Amino acid sequence: MGRNHTQTEFILLGITDSPCAQTPLFVLFLLIYIVTLVENIGIIILVRVAPSLHTPMYFFLTHFAFIEVCYSTVVSPRMLADLLSEDKTISFSECMMQLLTFAFFATIECHLLAMMAYDRHVAICHPLLYVTIISSRVCWQLVASSYLFAFLSAIIYTWCVFGGSFCGPNRIDHFFCDIVPVLKLVCSDTHSSEMVIFAFITVNAVGASVVILLSYISILCTVLKMCSAQSRARAFHTCASHLTAVVLLFGSAFFMYLQPPSSYRSLDKVASIIYAVLTPMLNPFIYSLRNKEVKGALVKCRTRFFNHWQHGRVLSSRT
C-alpha cells in the first residue's frame, strides 16, 4: 500500500490559520473531547452494572458508545495538538493509519445505527417475537459481521487513497487525514479509485440508510394502527432520539462524501466537525440521557453507590 508515493510527510492545515482563534478553539474542543469521553464511557459502565439495561437495544448502544470514544480519539487529540503547535506535519504512515482507523469506526457507526433501527422495528412491530428474533446470539453475529465488513471497507478506502503517487503538494486542507482532502493530492489518475470509494460508501452509508428508512416506514404503519394515543406517543418518543442521531451523522457524512473530491470546499470542514467532533458528544444526550430507562438505572446506581459509601463510613467509624 502506498508503494508509489514520493512524499514522506504531509502538512495538516487545520481548522484555521488565524493565531487569535487557535487558543479559544483549543479550549472549546478540549472541553468537547472530555465531555465526549465522560459521557460515552459512563454509558458503557452504566449498561454493564445495571441489570435493567441488559437488553439488545442497550447492547447495541454500548458498542455505539465505544465506537464514539474511538471515533473521537482518532481525530481530536491530533487536532488539539495542532492548534497549539507550529509544526503540523504528519508522516505518511501516520496519515495512512489515521484514515484507516477513522474509516473503520465511521463505517461501524453507520451499521450500528441501522441495527438499532431494526431493533426498534422488531420491538414495535413484532413485540411477541422480539426475544426470538433479536436473541443474544443474533446480536453478537450482527455486531461481529459489522466489524468485519467495516475493516474490509477501511482497507479498501485506504488502498484507493494511498495506492497512487504523491509527487506534488503535501499540504492537506483539513484537520485530519480524511478521504476527500488526501485524495486531492494524488498525482496519478484517481478516477477508478474515486469510483471504488464511492461504491463502498454507497453500500455502507446508503445501505444503512435504506435499512433505517424501511424500518421506520414499517414502524410508522404499525404506530398509526395503534388505538391508544399513549402507546403512539411512547413509540414515537422511543424513535425520536434515534432519528435525531441518524440525521446528525448521515446528513453531514453525505454532504462530505457523496461528492467528487474536486468539489471539496472549506465548508466541508464544518461538516467534518459536526460528524467527527460534535456528534460523539451530542449522541449520549440525544440517545440515552433523555431515556427514562437510562435515567432510572442512573438513579438506582447512584443510590446504591451512596448507600455503599455510607455503609463503609459507618464501619470505618466503628473501628
C-alpha atoms as a PDB file:
ATOM      1  CA  MET A   1       0.000   0.000   0.000  1.00  0.00           C
ATOM      2  CA  GLY A   2       1.340   3.425  -0.932  1.00  0.00           C
ATOM      3  CA  ARG A   3       4.387   1.910  -2.714  1.00  0.00           C
ATOM      4  CA  ASN A   4       4.191   4.594  -5.455  1.00  0.00           C
ATOM      5  CA  HIS A   5       4.349   7.575  -3.110  1.00  0.00           C
ATOM      6  CA  THR A   6       7.230  10.055  -3.091  1.00  0.00           C
ATOM      7  CA  GLN A   7       6.083  12.200  -0.158  1.00  0.00           C
ATOM      8  CA  THR A   8       7.353  11.156   3.263  1.00  0.00           C
ATOM      9  CA  GLU A   9       5.138  13.532   5.206  1.00  0.00           C
ATOM     10  CA  PHE A  10       2.145  15.825   4.914  1.00  0.00           C
ATOM     11  CA  ILE A  11       1.177  19.131   6.493  1.00  0.00           C
ATOM     12  CA  LEU A  12      -2.298  19.432   8.045  1.00  0.00           C
ATOM     13  CA  LEU A  13      -3.538  22.982   7.529  1.00  0.00           C
ATOM     14  CA  GLY A  14      -6.029  22.515  10.351  1.00  0.00           C
ATOM     15  CA  ILE A  15      -9.316  24.233  11.135  1.00  0.00           C
ATOM     16  CA  THR A  16      -7.996  27.782  10.915  1.00  0.00           C
ATOM     17  CA  ASP A  17      -4.757  29.622  10.241  1.00  0.00           C
ATOM     18  CA  SER A  18      -5.688  32.546  12.488  1.00  0.00           C
ATOM     19  CA  PRO A  19      -3.408  32.612  15.582  1.00  0.00           C
ATOM     20  CA  CYS A  20      -6.028  34.535  17.573  1.00  0.00           C
ATOM     21  CA  ALA A  21      -8.637  31.819  17.076  1.00  0.00           C
ATOM     22  CA  GLN A  22      -6.430  28.801  17.811  1.00  0.00           C
ATOM     23  CA  THR A  23      -6.310  29.076  21.626  1.00  0.00           C
ATOM     24  CA  PRO A  24     -10.087  29.597  22.081  1.00  0.00           C
ATOM     25  CA  LEU A  25     -10.740  26.713  19.681  1.00  0.00           C
ATOM     26  CA  PHE A  26      -8.292  24.534  21.618  1.00  0.00           C
ATOM     27  CA  VAL A  27     -10.170  25.192  24.886  1.00  0.00           C
ATOM     28  CA  LEU A  28     -13.556  24.599  23.219  1.00  0.00           C
ATOM     29  CA  PHE A  29     -12.597  21.328  21.509  1.00  0.00           C
ATOM     30  CA  LEU A  30     -10.735  20.067  24.582  1.00  0.00           C
ATOM     31  CA  LEU A  31     -13.907  20.511  26.653  1.00  0.00           C
ATOM     32  CA  ILE A  32     -15.943  18.784  23.947  1.00  0.00           C
ATOM     33  CA  TYR A  33     -13.497  15.854  23.861  1.00  0.00           C
ATOM     34  CA  ILE A  34     -13.502  15.461  27.671  1.00  0.00           C
ATOM     35  CA  VAL A  35     -17.313  15.571  27.792  1.00  0.00           C
ATOM     36  CA  THR A  36     -17.454  13.019  24.961  1.00  0.00           C
ATOM     37  CA  LEU A  37     -15.200  10.582  26.839  1.00  0.00           C
ATOM     38  CA  VAL A  38     -17.020  11.007  30.176  1.00  0.00           C
ATOM     39  CA  GLU A  39     -20.484  10.589  28.641  1.00  0.00           C
ATOM     40  CA  ASN A  40     -19.768   7.577  26.461  1.00  0.00           C
ATOM     41  CA  ILE A  41     -17.583   5.717  28.968  1.00  0.00           C
ATOM     42  CA  GLY A  42     -20.243   6.455  31.593  1.00  0.00           C
ATOM     43  CA  ILE A  43     -22.910   4.866  29.389  1.00  0.00           C
ATOM     44  CA  ILE A  44     -20.757   1.762  28.868  1.00  0.00           C
ATOM     45  CA  ILE A  45     -20.223   1.374  32.636  1.00  0.00           C
ATOM     46  CA  LEU A  46     -23.898   2.063  33.427  1.00  0.00           C
ATOM     47  CA  VAL A  47     -25.153  -0.586  30.993  1.00  0.00           C
ATOM     48  CA  ARG A  48     -22.660  -3.087  32.419  1.00  0.00           C
ATOM     49  CA  VAL A  49     -23.669  -2.575  36.063  1.00  0.00           C
ATOM     50  CA  ALA A  50     -27.447  -2.063  35.630  1.00  0.00           C
ATOM     51  CA  PRO A  51     -29.322  -5.381  35.097  1.00  0.00           C
ATOM     52  CA  SER A  52     -32.390  -3.500  33.810  1.00  0.00           C
ATOM     53  CA  LEU A  53     -30.356  -2.363  30.805  1.00  0.00           C
ATOM     54  CA  HIS A  54     -29.200  -5.835  29.784  1.00  0.00           C
ATOM     55  CA  THR A  55     -31.340  -5.824  26.623  1.00  0.00           C
ATOM     56  CA  PRO A  56     -30.442  -5.940  22.899  1.00  0.00           C
ATOM     57  CA  MET A  57     -31.072  -2.210  22.442  1.00  0.00           C
ATOM     58  CA  TYR A  58     -28.554  -1.305  25.140  1.00  0.00           C
ATOM     59  CA  PHE A  59     -26.161  -3.985  23.906  1.00  0.00           C
ATOM     60  CA  PHE A  60     -26.030  -2.109  20.596  1.00  0.00           C
ATOM     61  CA  LEU A  61     -25.870   1.201  22.464  1.00  0.00           C
ATOM     62  CA  THR A  62     -22.816   0.020  24.426  1.00  0.00           C
ATOM     63  CA  HIS A  63     -20.968  -0.754  21.201  1.00  0.00           C
ATOM     64  CA  PHE A  64     -22.182   2.551  19.774  1.00  0.00           C
ATOM     65  CA  ALA A  65     -20.729   4.442  22.759  1.00  0.00           C
ATOM     66  CA  PHE A  66     -17.450   2.507  22.478  1.00  0.00           C
ATOM     67  CA  ILE A  67     -17.195   3.392  18.784  1.00  0.00           C
ATOM     68  CA  GLU A  68     -17.908   7.053  19.602  1.00  0.00           C
ATOM     69  CA  VAL A  69     -14.963   7.081  22.033  1.00  0.00           C
ATOM     70  CA  CYS A  70     -12.628   5.514  19.456  1.00  0.00           C
ATOM     71  CA  TYR A  71     -14.014   7.624  16.621  1.00  0.00           C
ATOM     72  CA  SER A  72     -13.426  10.850  18.541  1.00  0.00           C
ATOM     73  CA  THR A  73      -9.992   9.770  19.815  1.00  0.00           C
ATOM     74  CA  VAL A  74      -8.732   9.154  16.279  1.00  0.00           C
ATOM     75  CA  VAL A  75      -9.362  12.826  15.407  1.00  0.00           C
ATOM     76  CA  SER A  76      -9.456  15.058  18.493  1.00  0.00           C
ATOM     77  CA  PRO A  77      -6.009  14.576  20.163  1.00  0.00           C
ATOM     78  CA  ARG A  78      -4.160  15.268  16.908  1.00  0.00           C
ATOM     79  CA  MET A  79      -6.415  18.252  16.147  1.00  0.00           C
ATOM     80  CA  LEU A  80      -5.855  19.691  19.649  1.00  0.00           C
ATOM     81  CA  ALA A  81      -2.081  19.285  19.374  1.00  0.00           C
ATOM     82  CA  ASP A  82      -2.017  21.041  16.003  1.00  0.00           C
ATOM     83  CA  LEU A  83      -3.988  24.002  17.374  1.00  0.00           C
ATOM     84  CA  LEU A  84      -1.134  24.739  19.808  1.00  0.00           C
ATOM     85  CA  SER A  85       1.818  23.648  17.686  1.00  0.00           C
ATOM     86  CA  GLU A  86       3.548  25.386  14.803  1.00  0.00           C
ATOM     87  CA  ASP A  87       4.747  22.032  13.458  1.00  0.00           C
ATOM     88  CA  LYS A  88       1.675  20.466  11.821  1.00  0.00           C
ATOM     89  CA  THR A  89       3.484  17.768   9.875  1.00  0.00           C
ATOM     90  CA  ILE A  90       2.237  14.189   9.906  1.00  0.00           C
ATOM     91  CA  SER A  91       4.194  11.271   8.469  1.00  0.00           C
ATOM     92  CA  PHE A  92       2.903   9.251   5.526  1.00  0.00           C
ATOM     93  CA  SER A  93       2.362   6.141   7.674  1.00  0.00           C
ATOM     94  CA  GLU A  94       0.634   8.108  10.481  1.00  0.00           C
ATOM     95  CA  CYS A  95      -1.683   9.748   7.985  1.00  0.00           C
ATOM     96  CA  MET A  96      -2.484   6.382   6.441  1.00  0.00           C
ATOM     97  CA  MET A  97      -3.248   4.820   9.837  1.00  0.00           C
ATOM     98  CA  GLN A  98      -5.441   7.751  10.854  1.00  0.00           C
ATOM     99  CA  LEU A  99      -7.511   7.410   7.691  1.00  0.00           C
ATOM    100  CA  LEU A 100      -7.742   3.624   8.102  1.00  0.00           C
ATOM    101  CA  THR A 101      -8.935   3.759  11.723  1.00  0.00           C
ATOM    102  CA  PHE A 102     -11.299   6.669  11.130  1.00  0.00           C
ATOM    103  CA  ALA A 103     -12.924   4.917   8.153  1.00  0.00           C
ATOM    104  CA  PHE A 104     -13.182   1.701  10.212  1.00  0.00           C
ATOM    105  CA  PHE A 105     -15.008   3.298  13.149  1.00  0.00           C
ATOM    106  CA  ALA A 106     -17.170   5.553  10.953  1.00  0.00           C
ATOM    107  CA  THR A 107     -18.374   2.549   8.945  1.00  0.00           C
ATOM    108  CA  ILE A 108     -19.217   0.572  12.081  1.00  0.00           C
ATOM    109  CA  GLU A 109     -21.194   3.546  13.387  1.00  0.00           C
ATOM    110  CA  CYS A 110     -23.365   3.540  10.252  1.00  0.00           C
ATOM    111  CA  HIS A 111     -24.016  -0.187  10.647  1.00  0.00           C
ATOM    112  CA  LEU A 112     -24.873   0.154  14.347  1.00  0.00           C
ATOM    113  CA  LEU A 113     -27.441   2.866  13.640  1.00  0.00           C
ATOM    114  CA  ALA A 114     -29.058   0.521  11.116  1.00  0.00           C
ATOM    115  CA  MET A 115     -29.065  -2.324  13.685  1.00  0.00           C
ATOM    116  CA  MET A 116     -30.672  -0.072  16.288  1.00  0.00           C
ATOM    117  CA  ALA A 117     -33.387   0.918  13.798  1.00  0.00           C
ATOM    118  CA  TYR A 118     -34.054  -2.746  13.030  1.00  0.00           C
ATOM    119  CA  ASP A 119     -34.158  -3.487  16.773  1.00  0.00           C
ATOM    120  CA  ARG A 120     -36.836  -0.786  17.246  1.00  0.00           C
ATOM    121  CA  HIS A 121     -38.728  -2.161  14.230  1.00  0.00           C
ATOM    122  CA  VAL A 122     -38.916  -5.646  15.726  1.00  0.00           C
ATOM    123  CA  ALA A 123     -39.744  -4.315  19.220  1.00  0.00           C
ATOM    124  CA  ILE A 124     -42.682  -2.212  17.970  1.00  0.00           C
ATOM    125  CA  CYS A 125     -43.939  -4.235  15.002  1.00  0.00           C
ATOM    126  CA  HIS A 126     -43.333  -7.784  16.335  1.00  0.00           C
ATOM    127  CA  PRO A 127     -43.212  -7.493  20.152  1.00  0.00           C
ATOM    128  CA  LEU A 128     -44.190 -11.128  20.784  1.00  0.00           C
ATOM    129  CA  LEU A 129     -41.343 -12.393  18.591  1.00  0.00           C
ATOM    130  CA  TYR A 130     -38.768  -9.866  19.830  1.00  0.00           C
ATOM    131  CA  VAL A 131     -36.878 -12.219  22.165  1.00  0.00           C
ATOM    132  CA  THR A 132     -36.727 -14.891  19.461  1.00  0.00           C
ATOM    133  CA  ILE A 133     -35.664 -12.639  16.577  1.00  0.00           C
ATOM    134  CA  ILE A 134     -33.248 -10.359  18.477  1.00  0.00           C
ATOM    135  CA  SER A 135     -31.546 -13.031  20.569  1.00  0.00           C
ATOM    136  CA  SER A 136     -28.162 -12.625  22.221  1.00  0.00           C
ATOM    137  CA  ARG A 137     -26.591 -14.806  19.535  1.00  0.00           C
ATOM    138  CA  VAL A 138     -28.089 -12.703  16.740  1.00  0.00           C
ATOM    139  CA  CYS A 139     -26.837  -9.504  18.410  1.00  0.00           C
ATOM    140  CA  TRP A 140     -23.269 -10.805  18.559  1.00  0.00           C
ATOM    141  CA  GLN A 141     -23.447 -12.062  14.959  1.00  0.00           C
ATOM    142  CA  LEU A 142     -24.691  -8.683  13.708  1.00  0.00           C
ATOM    143  CA  VAL A 143     -22.001  -6.742  15.572  1.00  0.00           C
ATOM    144  CA  ALA A 144     -19.204  -9.147  14.578  1.00  0.00           C
ATOM    145  CA  SER A 145     -20.193  -9.036  10.897  1.00  0.00           C
ATOM    146  CA  SER A 146     -20.322  -5.243  11.092  1.00  0.00           C
ATOM    147  CA  TYR A 147     -16.774  -5.055  12.495  1.00  0.00           C
ATOM    148  CA  LEU A 148     -15.504  -7.440   9.827  1.00  0.00           C
ATOM    149  CA  PHE A 149     -17.122  -5.673   6.872  1.00  0.00           C
ATOM    150  CA  ALA A 150     -16.086  -2.265   8.238  1.00  0.00           C
ATOM    151  CA  PHE A 151     -12.469  -3.437   8.470  1.00  0.00           C
ATOM    152  CA  LEU A 152     -12.508  -4.705   4.869  1.00  0.00           C
ATOM    153  CA  SER A 153     -14.101  -1.442   3.702  1.00  0.00           C
ATOM    154  CA  ALA A 154     -11.499   0.631   5.572  1.00  0.00           C
ATOM    155  CA  ILE A 155      -8.674  -1.372   3.968  1.00  0.00           C
ATOM    156  CA  ILE A 156     -10.154  -0.705   0.516  1.00  0.00           C
ATOM    157  CA  TYR A 157     -10.627   3.022   1.211  1.00  0.00           C
ATOM    158  CA  THR A 158      -7.030   3.307   2.403  1.00  0.00           C
ATOM    159  CA  TRP A 159      -5.656   1.345  -0.535  1.00  0.00           C
ATOM    160  CA  CYS A 160      -7.562   3.518  -3.017  1.00  0.00           C
ATOM    161  CA  VAL A 161      -6.315   6.758  -1.430  1.00  0.00           C
ATOM    162  CA  PHE A 162      -2.687   5.854  -0.702  1.00  0.00           C
ATOM    163  CA  GLY A 163      -2.076   3.422  -3.570  1.00  0.00           C
ATOM    164  CA  GLY A 164      -1.335   6.241  -6.014  1.00  0.00           C
ATOM    165  CA  SER A 165       1.581   8.662  -6.378  1.00  0.00           C
ATOM    166  CA  PHE A 166       2.045  11.752  -4.196  1.00  0.00           C
ATOM    167  CA  CYS A 167       4.531  13.793  -6.204  1.00  0.00           C
ATOM    168  CA  GLY A 168       3.029  17.275  -5.890  1.00  0.00           C
ATOM    169  CA  PRO A 169       1.869  19.432  -2.955  1.00  0.00           C
ATOM    170  CA  ASN A 170       1.842  17.860   0.506  1.00  0.00           C
ATOM    171  CA  ARG A 171      -0.493  20.330   2.264  1.00  0.00           C
ATOM    172  CA  ILE A 172      -3.774  18.708   3.364  1.00  0.00           C
ATOM    173  CA  ASP A 173      -6.517  21.329   3.625  1.00  0.00           C
ATOM    174  CA  HIS A 174      -8.151  19.638   6.614  1.00  0.00           C
ATOM    175  CA  PHE A 175      -7.627  18.975  10.324  1.00  0.00           C
ATOM    176  CA  PHE A 176      -7.141  15.220   9.927  1.00  0.00           C
ATOM    177  CA  CYS A 177      -6.341  12.732   7.167  1.00  0.00           C
ATOM    178  CA  ASP A 178      -9.711  12.157   5.568  1.00  0.00           C
ATOM    179  CA  ILE A 179     -10.502  10.507   2.238  1.00  0.00           C
ATOM    180  CA  VAL A 180     -11.512  13.535   0.149  1.00  0.00           C
ATOM    181  CA  PRO A 181      -8.769  16.061   1.076  1.00  0.00           C
ATOM    182  CA  VAL A 182      -5.967  13.462   0.867  1.00  0.00           C
ATOM    183  CA  LEU A 183      -7.210  12.118  -2.476  1.00  0.00           C
ATOM    184  CA  LYS A 184      -6.907  15.645  -3.910  1.00  0.00           C
ATOM    185  CA  LEU A 185      -3.104  15.418  -3.507  1.00  0.00           C
ATOM    186  CA  VAL A 186      -2.689  12.265  -5.605  1.00  0.00           C
ATOM    187  CA  CYS A 187      -0.763  12.953  -8.841  1.00  0.00           C
ATOM    188  CA  SER A 188      -1.858   9.855 -10.740  1.00  0.00           C
ATOM    189  CA  ASP A 189      -5.327   9.314 -12.209  1.00  0.00           C
ATOM    190  CA  THR A 190      -7.839   8.840  -9.381  1.00  0.00           C
ATOM    191  CA  HIS A 191     -10.996   8.159 -11.383  1.00  0.00           C
ATOM    192  CA  SER A 192     -11.061   4.403 -10.714  1.00  0.00           C
ATOM    193  CA  SER A 193     -10.204   4.943  -7.032  1.00  0.00           C
ATOM    194  CA  GLU A 194     -12.977   7.511  -6.707  1.00  0.00           C
ATOM    195  CA  MET A 195     -15.478   5.088  -8.249  1.00  0.00           C
ATOM    196  CA  VAL A 196     -14.477   2.273  -5.882  1.00  0.00           C
ATOM    197  CA  ILE A 197     -14.632   4.577  -2.843  1.00  0.00           C
ATOM    198  CA  PHE A 198     -17.983   5.983  -3.960  1.00  0.00           C
ATOM    199  CA  ALA A 199     -19.340   2.433  -4.455  1.00  0.00           C
ATOM    200  CA  PHE A 200     -18.282   1.273  -0.972  1.00  0.00           C
ATOM    201  CA  ILE A 201     -19.542   4.437   0.722  1.00  0.00           C
ATOM    202  CA  THR A 202     -22.838   3.924  -1.106  1.00  0.00           C
ATOM    203  CA  VAL A 203     -23.039   0.302   0.051  1.00  0.00           C
ATOM    204  CA  ASN A 204     -22.241   1.233   3.662  1.00  0.00           C
ATOM    205  CA  ALA A 205     -23.958   4.583   4.175  1.00  0.00           C
ATOM    206  CA  VAL A 206     -26.821   4.347   1.678  1.00  0.00           C
ATOM    207  CA  GLY A 207     -27.344   0.672   2.509  1.00  0.00           C
ATOM    208  CA  ALA A 208     -27.642   1.513   6.211  1.00  0.00           C
ATOM    209  CA  SER A 209     -29.952   4.423   5.342  1.00  0.00           C
ATOM    210  CA  VAL A 210     -32.245   2.085   3.386  1.00  0.00           C
ATOM    211  CA  VAL A 211     -32.464  -0.305   6.354  1.00  0.00           C
ATOM    212  CA  ILE A 212     -33.283   2.642   8.648  1.00  0.00           C
ATOM    213  CA  LEU A 213     -35.853   4.042   6.220  1.00  0.00           C
ATOM    214  CA  LEU A 214     -37.638   0.721   5.704  1.00  0.00           C
ATOM    215  CA  SER A 215     -37.619   0.065   9.458  1.00  0.00           C
ATOM    216  CA  TYR A 216     -39.240   3.416  10.186  1.00  0.00           C
ATOM    217  CA  ILE A 217     -41.804   3.086   7.410  1.00  0.00           C
ATOM    218  CA  SER A 218     -42.866  -0.206   8.996  1.00  0.00           C
ATOM    219  CA  ILE A 219     -42.833   1.377  12.471  1.00  0.00           C
ATOM    220  CA  LEU A 220     -44.961   4.308  11.253  1.00  0.00           C
ATOM    221  CA  CYS A 221     -47.548   1.974   9.707  1.00  0.00           C
ATOM    222  CA  THR A 222     -47.743  -0.041  12.940  1.00  0.00           C
ATOM    223  CA  VAL A 223     -47.936   3.032  15.194  1.00  0.00           C
ATOM    224  CA  LEU A 224     -50.741   4.615  13.160  1.00  0.00           C
ATOM    225  CA  LYS A 225     -52.793   1.448  13.674  1.00  0.00           C
ATOM    226  CA  MET A 226     -52.469   1.677  17.480  1.00  0.00           C
ATOM    227  CA  CYS A 227     -55.697   2.591  19.247  1.00  0.00           C
ATOM    228  CA  SER A 228     -54.110   4.183  22.308  1.00  0.00           C
ATOM    229  CA  ALA A 229     -52.733   7.713  21.947  1.00  0.00           C
ATOM    230  CA  GLN A 230     -50.396   6.994  24.859  1.00  0.00           C
ATOM    231  CA  SER A 231     -48.939   3.958  23.059  1.00  0.00           C
ATOM    232  CA  ARG A 232     -48.389   6.004  19.907  1.00  0.00           C
ATOM    233  CA  ALA A 233     -46.694   8.785  21.868  1.00  0.00           C
ATOM    234  CA  ARG A 234     -44.421   6.271  23.641  1.00  0.00           C
ATOM    235  CA  ALA A 235     -43.427   4.657  20.338  1.00  0.00           C
ATOM    236  CA  PHE A 236     -42.684   7.992  18.681  1.00  0.00           C
ATOM    237  CA  HIS A 237     -40.669   9.137  21.710  1.00  0.00           C
ATOM    238  CA  THR A 238     -38.586   5.949  21.557  1.00  0.00           C
ATOM    239  CA  CYS A 239     -37.787   6.544  17.889  1.00  0.00           C
ATOM    240  CA  ALA A 240     -37.255  10.313  18.024  1.00  0.00           C
ATOM    241  CA  SER A 241     -33.848  10.116  19.723  1.00  0.00           C
ATOM    242  CA  HIS A 242     -32.534   7.557  17.252  1.00  0.00           C
ATOM    243  CA  LEU A 243     -33.795   9.552  14.271  1.00  0.00           C
ATOM    244  CA  THR A 244     -32.054  12.683  15.565  1.00  0.00           C
ATOM    245  CA  ALA A 245     -28.756  10.791  15.830  1.00  0.00           C
ATOM    246  CA  VAL A 246     -29.247   9.409  12.310  1.00  0.00           C
ATOM    247  CA  VAL A 247     -29.914  12.847  10.813  1.00  0.00           C
ATOM    248  CA  LEU A 248     -26.845  14.364  12.525  1.00  0.00           C
ATOM    249  CA  LEU A 249     -24.440  11.667  11.335  1.00  0.00           C
ATOM    250  CA  PHE A 250     -25.793  10.806   7.890  1.00  0.00           C
ATOM    251  CA  GLY A 251     -26.663  14.382   6.941  1.00  0.00           C
ATOM    252  CA  SER A 252     -23.131  15.684   7.498  1.00  0.00           C
ATOM    253  CA  ALA A 253     -21.490  12.497   6.146  1.00  0.00           C
ATOM    254  CA  PHE A 254     -23.494  12.550   2.894  1.00  0.00           C
ATOM    255  CA  PHE A 255     -22.663  16.232   2.459  1.00  0.00           C
ATOM    256  CA  MET A 256     -18.969  15.395   2.840  1.00  0.00           C
ATOM    257  CA  TYR A 257     -18.521  12.114   0.970  1.00  0.00           C
ATOM    258  CA  LEU A 258     -21.163  11.820  -1.731  1.00  0.00           C
ATOM    259  CA  GLN A 259     -19.429  14.406  -3.892  1.00  0.00           C
ATOM    260  CA  PRO A 260     -16.330  14.231  -6.116  1.00  0.00           C
ATOM    261  CA  PRO A 261     -13.044  15.290  -4.470  1.00  0.00           C
ATOM    262  CA  SER A 262     -12.693  18.156  -6.975  1.00  0.00           C
ATOM    263  CA  SER A 263     -15.716  19.877  -5.404  1.00  0.00           C
ATOM    264  CA  TYR A 264     -14.233  19.823  -1.888  1.00  0.00           C
ATOM    265  CA  ARG A 265     -14.803  23.186  -0.178  1.00  0.00           C
ATOM    266  CA  SER A 266     -13.782  24.814   3.090  1.00  0.00           C
ATOM    267  CA  LEU A 267     -17.421  24.463   4.192  1.00  0.00           C
ATOM    268  CA  ASP A 268     -16.798  20.701   4.302  1.00  0.00           C
ATOM    269  CA  LYS A 269     -14.609  21.272   7.375  1.00  0.00           C
ATOM    270  CA  VAL A 270     -17.769  22.366   9.181  1.00  0.00           C
ATOM    271  CA  ALA A 271     -19.493  19.123   8.161  1.00  0.00           C
ATOM    272  CA  SER A 272     -16.444  17.167   9.362  1.00  0.00           C
ATOM    273  CA  ILE A 273     -16.503  18.943  12.735  1.00  0.00           C
ATOM    274  CA  ILE A 274     -20.199  18.063  13.096  1.00  0.00           C
ATOM    275  CA  TYR A 275     -19.835  14.321  12.472  1.00  0.00           C
ATOM    276  CA  ALA A 276     -16.315  13.770  13.863  1.00  0.00           C
ATOM    277  CA  VAL A 277     -16.305  16.066  16.924  1.00  0.00           C
ATOM    278  CA  LEU A 278     -19.796  17.275  17.877  1.00  0.00           C
ATOM    279  CA  THR A 279     -21.874  14.173  17.104  1.00  0.00           C
ATOM    280  CA  PRO A 280     -19.957  11.871  19.521  1.00  0.00           C
ATOM    281  CA  MET A 281     -20.627  14.416  22.287  1.00  0.00           C
ATOM    282  CA  LEU A 282     -24.301  15.016  21.436  1.00  0.00           C
ATOM    283  CA  ASN A 283     -25.365  11.398  20.918  1.00  0.00           C
ATOM    284  CA  PRO A 284     -25.329  10.417  24.632  1.00  0.00           C
ATOM    285  CA  PHE A 285     -27.609  13.399  25.368  1.00  0.00           C
ATOM    286  CA  ILE A 286     -29.857  12.643  22.420  1.00  0.00           C
ATOM    287  CA  TYR A 287     -29.998   8.875  22.641  1.00  0.00           C
ATOM    288  CA  SER A 288     -29.510   7.929  26.279  1.00  0.00           C
ATOM    289  CA  LEU A 289     -29.768  10.679  28.847  1.00  0.00           C
ATOM    290  CA  ARG A 290     -33.294  11.605  27.691  1.00  0.00           C
ATOM    291  CA  ASN A 291     -34.336   7.973  28.072  1.00  0.00           C
ATOM    292  CA  LYS A 292     -36.419   7.107  31.168  1.00  0.00           C
ATOM    293  CA  GLU A 293     -34.837   3.657  31.488  1.00  0.00           C
ATOM    294  CA  VAL A 294     -31.337   5.144  31.493  1.00  0.00           C
ATOM    295  CA  LYS A 295     -32.350   7.828  33.980  1.00  0.00           C
ATOM    296  CA  GLY A 296     -33.934   5.198  36.246  1.00  0.00           C
ATOM    297  CA  ALA A 297     -30.840   2.983  36.107  1.00  0.00           C
ATOM    298  CA  LEU A 298     -28.648   6.006  36.798  1.00  0.00           C
ATOM    299  CA  VAL A 299     -30.678   6.928  39.883  1.00  0.00           C
ATOM    300  CA  LYS A 300     -30.545   3.325  41.170  1.00  0.00           C
ATOM    301  CA  CYS A 301     -26.783   3.102  40.659  1.00  0.00           C
ATOM    302  CA  ARG A 302     -26.255   6.449  42.354  1.00  0.00           C
ATOM    303  CA  THR A 303     -28.408   5.373  45.321  1.00  0.00           C
ATOM    304  CA  ARG A 304     -26.582   2.043  45.555  1.00  0.00           C
ATOM    305  CA  PHE A 305     -23.196   3.771  45.442  1.00  0.00           C
ATOM    306  CA  PHE A 306     -24.237   6.319  48.092  1.00  0.00           C
ATOM    307  CA  ASN A 307     -25.577   3.577  50.410  1.00  0.00           C
ATOM    308  CA  HIS A 308     -22.396   1.545  49.938  1.00  0.00           C
ATOM    309  CA  TRP A 309     -20.239   4.619  50.643  1.00  0.00           C
ATOM    310  CA  GLN A 310     -22.318   5.498  53.728  1.00  0.00           C
ATOM    311  CA  HIS A 311     -22.119   1.902  54.997  1.00  0.00           C
ATOM    312  CA  GLY A 312     -18.340   1.987  54.550  1.00  0.00           C
ATOM    313  CA  ARG A 313     -18.109   5.192  56.588  1.00  0.00           C
ATOM    314  CA  VAL A 314     -20.175   3.663  59.402  1.00  0.00           C
ATOM    315  CA  LEU A 315     -17.922   0.574  59.521  1.00  0.00           C
ATOM    316  CA  SER A 316     -14.747   2.691  59.473  1.00  0.00           C
ATOM    317  CA  SER A 317     -16.032   4.923  62.312  1.00  0.00           C
ATOM    318  CA  ARG A 318     -16.741   1.868  64.464  1.00  0.00           C
ATOM    319  CA  THR A 319     -13.241   0.548  64.019  1.00  0.00           C
END
